[in-house]
Amino acid sequence: MKKRNVVILLGVLIIGMALTRIFISVSTPEIVTERETISKNSTALAATSRPETDPYILNEEEVARELASGNSRMITTKDIRSLRAFYPQQSDVEQDFQDHPHSPSSTLMAFAQKLGPLIERAEVDRDSALILTQEFSRCALDDSIHEAARALCVQDIELLQKTYPELADRAKQIRTQVSPDVLRILETNDRFKKKE
């Protein structure tokens, strides 16, 4: 019974984070307009700037040029290391729930707050989206990370595929590989989204 309550609470937490993202998108139309423009152009960009090889491998020349410009929005190794430091471990979240059974996990909340700026950068930079997709794939399959965080990683891959349709296959593949607990959280969130 206790594990079921935790799964339900985590599902509610993920739904709340998703609604927050939706609210932010709706409340800032200039960002939505920029995202729509990028989304419309991303398929053409992918066709012209990428060879017909693995889409998850970055073009080294493009990366070097972006970093040399000094105006990089690209997600770096430092960003990924920092994100990994916030991955919620099972034991940390369980301790949060023991200490504060009626509050959201502060560990999960810190992780969600760390993801926000990275997702925003990835939505306007294709290479960053590829880097994050690779990292989120790793996160989604890592059993040491709490189920709610792994579900959020899967949802963020699915979010990025809306801007970069070439990520759709990867999003589907990851969803089929996650643990049953993570899949249960994702399906709960899917049912909630259908009701909207």
Protein backbone atom coordinates (compact mmCIF):
# COMPACT_ATOMS: atom_id res chain seq x y z
CA MET A 1 0.00 0.00 0.00
CA LYS A 2 2.81 2.41 0.87
CA LYS A 3 4.56 1.95 -2.51
CA ARG A 4 1.24 2.56 -4.31
CA ASN A 5 0.80 5.85 -2.46
CA VAL A 6 4.32 6.89 -3.41
CA VAL A 7 3.67 6.06 -7.09
CA ILE A 8 0.40 8.05 -7.02
CA LEU A 9 2.11 11.00 -5.31
CA LEU A 10 4.92 10.92 -7.86
CA GLY A 11 2.42 10.82 -10.70
CA VAL A 12 0.70 13.88 -9.27
CA LEU A 13 4.09 15.60 -8.91
CA ILE A 14 4.96 14.92 -12.56
CA ILE A 15 1.55 16.14 -13.68
CA GLY A 16 2.05 19.33 -11.67
CA MET A 17 5.44 19.93 -13.28
CA ALA A 18 3.94 19.36 -16.74
CA LEU A 19 1.15 21.84 -16.03
CA THR A 20 3.72 24.37 -14.84
CA ARG A 21 5.58 24.02 -18.13
CA ILE A 22 2.32 24.47 -20.05
CA PHE A 23 1.46 27.57 -18.00
CA ILE A 24 4.89 29.09 -18.65
CA SER A 25 4.56 28.42 -22.39
CA VAL A 26 1.08 29.98 -22.55
CA SER A 27 1.99 32.97 -20.40
CA THR A 28 4.96 33.97 -22.57
CA PRO A 29 3.71 34.19 -26.18
CA GLU A 30 7.03 35.52 -27.52
CA ILE A 31 8.70 32.26 -26.49
CA VAL A 32 5.90 30.20 -28.02
CA THR A 33 6.25 32.13 -31.28
CA GLU A 34 10.02 31.52 -31.29
CA ARG A 35 9.46 27.81 -30.59
CA GLU A 36 6.91 27.54 -33.40
CA THR A 37 9.32 29.15 -35.83
CA ILE A 38 12.11 26.82 -34.78
CA SER A 39 9.82 23.80 -34.99
CA LYS A 40 8.77 24.70 -38.55
CA ASN A 41 12.38 25.11 -39.61
CA SER A 42 13.89 22.17 -37.72
CA THR A 43 13.03 19.55 -40.33
CA ALA A 44 14.61 21.61 -43.11
CA LEU A 45 17.66 22.26 -40.91
CA ALA A 46 18.03 18.57 -40.16
CA ALA A 47 17.88 17.71 -43.86
CA THR A 48 20.54 20.23 -44.86
CA SER A 49 23.00 20.11 -41.96
CA ARG A 50 23.21 16.40 -41.11
CA PRO A 51 24.65 13.50 -43.02
CA GLU A 52 22.54 10.36 -43.45
CA THR A 53 24.18 8.75 -40.40
CA ASP A 54 23.32 8.38 -36.76
CA PRO A 55 21.38 11.53 -35.75
CA TYR A 56 22.72 11.30 -32.19
CA ILE A 57 26.32 11.98 -33.25
CA LEU A 58 27.18 15.67 -33.31
CA ASN A 59 29.10 17.31 -36.12
CA GLU A 60 32.40 18.38 -34.50
CA GLU A 61 32.83 21.41 -36.77
CA GLU A 62 29.41 22.78 -35.83
CA VAL A 63 30.09 22.25 -32.14
CA ALA A 64 33.47 24.00 -32.35
CA ARG A 65 31.99 26.91 -34.31
CA GLU A 66 29.13 27.34 -31.82
CA LEU A 67 31.43 27.24 -28.80
CA ALA A 68 33.94 29.62 -30.42
CA SER A 69 31.20 32.17 -31.08
CA GLY A 70 30.90 32.88 -27.35
CA ASN A 71 27.11 33.08 -27.70
CA SER A 72 26.58 29.38 -27.25
CA ARG A 73 23.24 28.07 -26.16
CA MET A 74 24.68 24.61 -26.56
CA ILE A 75 24.56 22.30 -23.58
CA THR A 76 28.09 21.41 -22.51
CA THR A 77 29.74 18.57 -20.62
CA LYS A 78 29.74 20.83 -17.58
CA ASP A 79 25.94 21.18 -17.83
CA ILE A 80 25.52 17.41 -18.06
CA ARG A 81 27.78 16.81 -15.06
CA SER A 82 25.82 19.36 -13.08
CA LEU A 83 22.54 17.68 -14.08
CA ARG A 84 23.85 14.28 -13.00
CA ALA A 85 24.63 15.70 -9.55
CA PHE A 86 20.88 16.37 -9.19
CA TYR A 87 19.67 12.91 -10.26
CA PRO A 88 17.34 11.84 -7.44
CA GLN A 89 18.50 8.56 -5.96
CA GLN A 90 15.88 6.12 -4.65
CA SER A 91 17.11 6.45 -1.07
CA ASP A 92 17.07 10.28 -1.13
CA VAL A 93 13.45 10.45 -2.28
CA GLU A 94 12.37 7.79 0.21
CA GLN A 95 14.05 9.82 2.96
CA ASP A 96 12.20 12.95 1.79
CA PHE A 97 8.88 11.10 2.07
CA GLN A 98 9.75 9.77 5.52
CA ASP A 99 10.75 13.22 6.74
CA HIS A 100 7.81 15.06 5.13
CA PRO A 101 5.10 12.57 4.13
CA HIS A 102 2.61 15.25 3.07
CA SER A 103 4.97 17.34 0.94
CA PRO A 104 6.52 16.83 -2.48
CA SER A 105 10.03 15.47 -2.44
CA SER A 106 12.54 18.33 -2.29
CA THR A 107 15.02 16.09 -4.13
CA LEU A 108 12.60 15.61 -7.03
CA MET A 109 11.72 19.30 -7.07
CA ALA A 110 15.41 20.31 -7.25
CA PHE A 111 15.85 17.91 -10.17
CA ALA A 112 12.83 19.33 -12.00
CA GLN A 113 14.12 22.89 -11.48
CA LYS A 114 17.51 21.88 -12.90
CA LEU A 115 15.82 20.45 -16.03
CA GLY A 116 13.83 23.57 -16.94
CA PRO A 117 16.64 25.78 -18.25
CA LEU A 118 18.25 22.86 -20.08
CA ILE A 119 15.01 22.03 -21.89
CA GLU A 120 14.57 25.68 -22.86
CA ARG A 121 18.07 25.73 -24.37
CA ALA A 122 17.46 22.44 -26.17
CA GLU A 123 14.24 23.74 -27.70
CA VAL A 124 16.20 26.43 -29.56
CA ASP A 125 19.37 24.45 -30.30
CA ARG A 126 19.18 21.13 -32.14
CA ASP A 127 22.58 19.89 -31.00
CA SER A 128 21.62 20.53 -27.38
CA ALA A 129 18.44 18.56 -27.97
CA LEU A 130 20.51 15.64 -29.24
CA ILE A 131 22.83 15.85 -26.24
CA LEU A 132 19.90 15.96 -23.82
CA THR A 133 18.13 13.11 -25.59
CA GLN A 134 21.19 10.96 -25.13
CA GLU A 135 21.47 11.94 -21.44
CA PHE A 136 17.75 11.50 -20.79
CA SER A 137 17.94 8.05 -22.39
CA ARG A 138 20.67 7.16 -19.91
CA CYS A 139 18.61 8.60 -17.04
CA ALA A 140 15.44 6.73 -18.06
CA LEU A 141 17.19 3.36 -17.92
CA ASP A 142 19.25 3.88 -14.73
CA ASP A 143 17.65 1.88 -11.91
CA SER A 144 19.52 3.84 -9.24
CA ILE A 145 17.54 6.97 -10.18
CA HIS A 146 14.06 7.33 -8.67
CA GLU A 147 11.16 6.22 -10.91
CA ALA A 148 9.54 9.68 -11.01
CA ALA A 149 12.77 11.26 -12.26
CA ARG A 150 13.20 8.53 -14.87
CA ALA A 151 9.62 9.12 -16.04
CA LEU A 152 10.36 12.83 -16.29
CA CYS A 153 13.41 12.06 -18.45
CA VAL A 154 11.21 10.03 -20.83
CA GLN A 155 8.62 12.82 -20.93
CA ASP A 156 11.32 15.36 -21.74
CA ILE A 157 12.52 13.25 -24.69
CA GLU A 158 8.90 13.19 -25.86
CA LEU A 159 8.69 16.96 -25.36
CA LEU A 160 11.82 17.54 -27.46
CA GLN A 161 10.48 15.33 -30.26
CA LYS A 162 7.66 17.84 -30.75
CA THR A 163 10.27 20.41 -31.78
CA TYR A 164 12.59 17.89 -33.46
CA PRO A 165 10.45 15.18 -35.11
CA GLU A 166 13.56 13.15 -35.95
CA LEU A 167 13.70 12.22 -32.23
CA ALA A 168 10.33 10.42 -32.39
CA ASP A 169 11.83 6.97 -32.93
CA ARG A 170 14.15 7.41 -29.97
CA ALA A 171 11.26 8.55 -27.77
CA LYS A 172 9.24 5.45 -28.69
CA GLN A 173 12.24 3.16 -28.18
CA ILE A 174 13.01 4.48 -24.71
CA ARG A 175 9.39 4.15 -23.60
CA THR A 176 9.49 0.45 -24.49
CA GLN A 177 12.69 -0.10 -22.48
CA VAL A 178 11.80 1.49 -19.14
CA SER A 179 10.91 -0.47 -16.01
CA PRO A 180 7.26 -1.31 -15.21
CA ASP A 181 7.21 1.29 -12.38
CA VAL A 182 8.34 4.05 -14.73
CA LEU A 183 5.88 2.91 -17.39
CA ARG A 184 3.05 3.01 -14.82
CA ILE A 185 3.86 6.65 -14.01
CA LEU A 186 4.01 7.53 -17.72
CA GLU A 187 0.68 5.83 -18.42
CA THR A 188 -0.94 7.63 -15.47
CA ASN A 189 0.29 10.93 -16.86
CA ASP A 190 -0.90 9.98 -20.37
CA ARG A 191 -4.41 9.32 -19.02
CA PHE A 192 -4.38 12.71 -17.28
CA LYS A 193 -3.32 14.48 -20.50
CA LYS A 194 -6.18 12.83 -22.43
CA LYS A 195 -8.68 14.27 -19.97
CA GLU A 196 -7.50 17.84 -20.67
